[in-house]
Protein backbone atom coordinates (compact mmCIF):
# COMPACT_ATOMS: atom_id res chain seq x y z
CA MET A 1 89.27 142.03 193.18
CA ARG A 2 87.53 139.97 195.85
CA GLY A 3 89.24 137.49 198.21
CA PRO A 4 90.20 134.09 196.79
CA ALA A 5 89.14 135.25 193.34
CA ALA A 6 92.28 137.40 193.34
CA ILE A 7 94.41 134.28 193.73
CA LEU A 8 92.62 132.60 190.87
CA SER A 9 93.09 135.63 188.65
CA CYS A 10 96.86 135.28 189.08
CA PHE A 11 96.52 131.65 188.01
CA LEU A 12 94.56 132.71 184.96
CA CYS A 13 97.10 135.36 183.99
CA PHE A 14 99.84 132.78 183.92
CA GLY A 15 98.38 130.13 181.69
CA GLY A 16 95.35 128.66 183.47
CA LEU A 17 92.70 130.15 181.19
CA PRO A 18 92.83 127.44 178.51
CA ALA A 19 92.05 124.84 181.17
CA LEU A 20 89.05 126.78 182.45
CA ALA A 21 87.75 127.50 178.96
CA ASP A 22 87.73 123.76 178.26
CA PRO A 23 84.16 122.70 177.44
CA SER A 24 84.84 119.32 179.04
CA ILE A 25 84.51 121.00 182.44
CA THR A 26 81.08 119.78 183.42
CA GLY A 27 78.72 120.46 186.27
CA HIS A 28 80.00 117.28 187.93
CA ARG A 29 83.54 118.62 187.98
CA LEU A 30 82.43 122.08 189.10
CA LEU A 31 80.39 120.61 191.95
CA ASN A 32 83.42 118.61 193.05
CA TRP A 33 85.49 121.81 193.12
CA CYS A 34 82.80 123.75 194.96
CA ARG A 35 82.37 121.10 197.63
CA SER A 36 86.09 120.96 198.37
CA GLU A 37 87.34 122.07 201.74
CA GLN A 38 87.35 125.86 202.09
CA ALA A 39 90.53 127.68 201.04
CA THR A 40 91.95 124.68 199.16
CA PRO A 41 93.04 125.15 195.54
CA LEU A 42 89.93 123.40 194.17
CA TRP A 43 87.61 125.47 196.36
CA MET A 44 89.34 128.65 195.17
CA LEU A 45 89.06 127.42 191.59
CA CYS A 46 85.30 127.06 192.06
CA LEU A 47 84.93 130.44 193.71
CA GLY A 48 87.02 132.19 191.07
CA TYR A 49 85.25 130.46 188.18
CA VAL A 50 81.80 131.37 189.52
CA ALA A 51 82.90 134.95 190.33
CA GLY A 52 84.41 135.39 186.86
CA VAL A 53 81.25 134.27 185.11
CA SER A 54 79.14 136.40 187.45
CA ASP A 55 81.25 139.52 186.93
CA HIS A 56 81.05 139.07 183.17
CA LEU A 57 77.29 138.52 183.16
CA ALA A 58 76.64 141.54 185.34
CA ARG A 59 78.73 143.79 183.11
CA VAL A 60 77.82 142.80 179.56
CA GLU A 61 77.17 146.14 177.94
CA GLY A 62 73.69 146.62 176.54
CA ALA A 63 72.35 143.34 177.90
CA ALA A 64 70.56 142.56 181.14
CA LEU A 65 71.77 139.00 181.65
CA TYR A 66 72.09 138.86 185.41
CA CYS A 67 71.04 141.39 188.03
CA PRO A 68 72.50 140.45 191.41
CA PRO A 69 71.44 142.40 194.46
CA GLU A 70 73.91 144.92 195.85
CA GLY A 71 76.43 143.28 198.14
CA LEU A 72 75.99 139.68 196.96
CA SER A 73 79.25 137.92 197.80
CA ASP A 74 81.26 135.42 195.79
CA GLU A 75 80.49 132.83 198.45
CA GLU A 76 76.74 133.47 198.12
CA GLU A 77 77.01 133.04 194.35
CA ARG A 78 78.89 129.79 194.92
CA GLU A 79 76.04 128.61 197.16
CA ILE A 80 73.49 129.50 194.44
CA VAL A 81 75.41 127.40 191.93
CA ILE A 82 75.70 124.44 194.33
CA ALA A 83 71.97 124.57 195.10
CA TYR A 84 71.16 124.66 191.38
CA LEU A 85 73.41 121.68 190.69
CA ASP A 86 71.89 119.77 193.63
CA GLU A 87 68.38 120.43 192.31
CA ASN A 88 69.25 119.60 188.69
CA GLU A 89 71.34 116.45 188.89
CA ALA A 90 70.48 115.41 185.32
CA LEU A 91 72.03 118.63 183.98
CA ARG A 92 75.40 118.13 185.64
CA ARG A 93 76.80 116.53 182.48
CA ASN A 94 76.43 119.91 180.76
CA SER A 95 79.05 122.63 180.51
CA ALA A 96 79.94 124.21 183.86
CA LEU A 97 79.89 127.62 182.21
CA ASP A 98 76.33 127.15 180.96
CA LEU A 99 75.19 125.85 184.34
CA ILE A 100 76.66 128.81 186.21
CA VAL A 101 74.96 131.21 183.81
CA GLU A 102 71.60 129.48 184.18
CA SER A 103 71.81 129.19 187.97
CA LEU A 104 72.68 132.86 188.48
CA ARG A 105 70.10 134.10 185.97
CA GLU A 106 67.42 131.94 187.59
CA ALA A 107 68.31 133.20 191.08
CA HIS A 108 68.52 136.89 190.13
CA PRO A 109 66.79 137.61 186.83
CA CYS A 110 66.67 141.12 185.47
CA THR A 111 63.15 142.52 185.54
């Protein structure tokens, strides 16, 4: 497990998953989390959420959904998501999950 994502995983194991699976979590809310001060609970929530989606996408058996370069960090993925949300303000009302998927796939498509 990587850095702050480990802390979030503990949160998820003890009842936080239903909150994160909530489709009402939009790009607006995710961006607020991601722009929080580093190492705060909201910042860690952002980092863990992005890392969880990324890890899942990169490991879906039989599907090439996301092909990150070797050594890409959770923080770099977070920056990709923030940049995507900054560039696509009109999409921020959409599901955070969908926006993370699209931003990572756009940044590192499988060829």
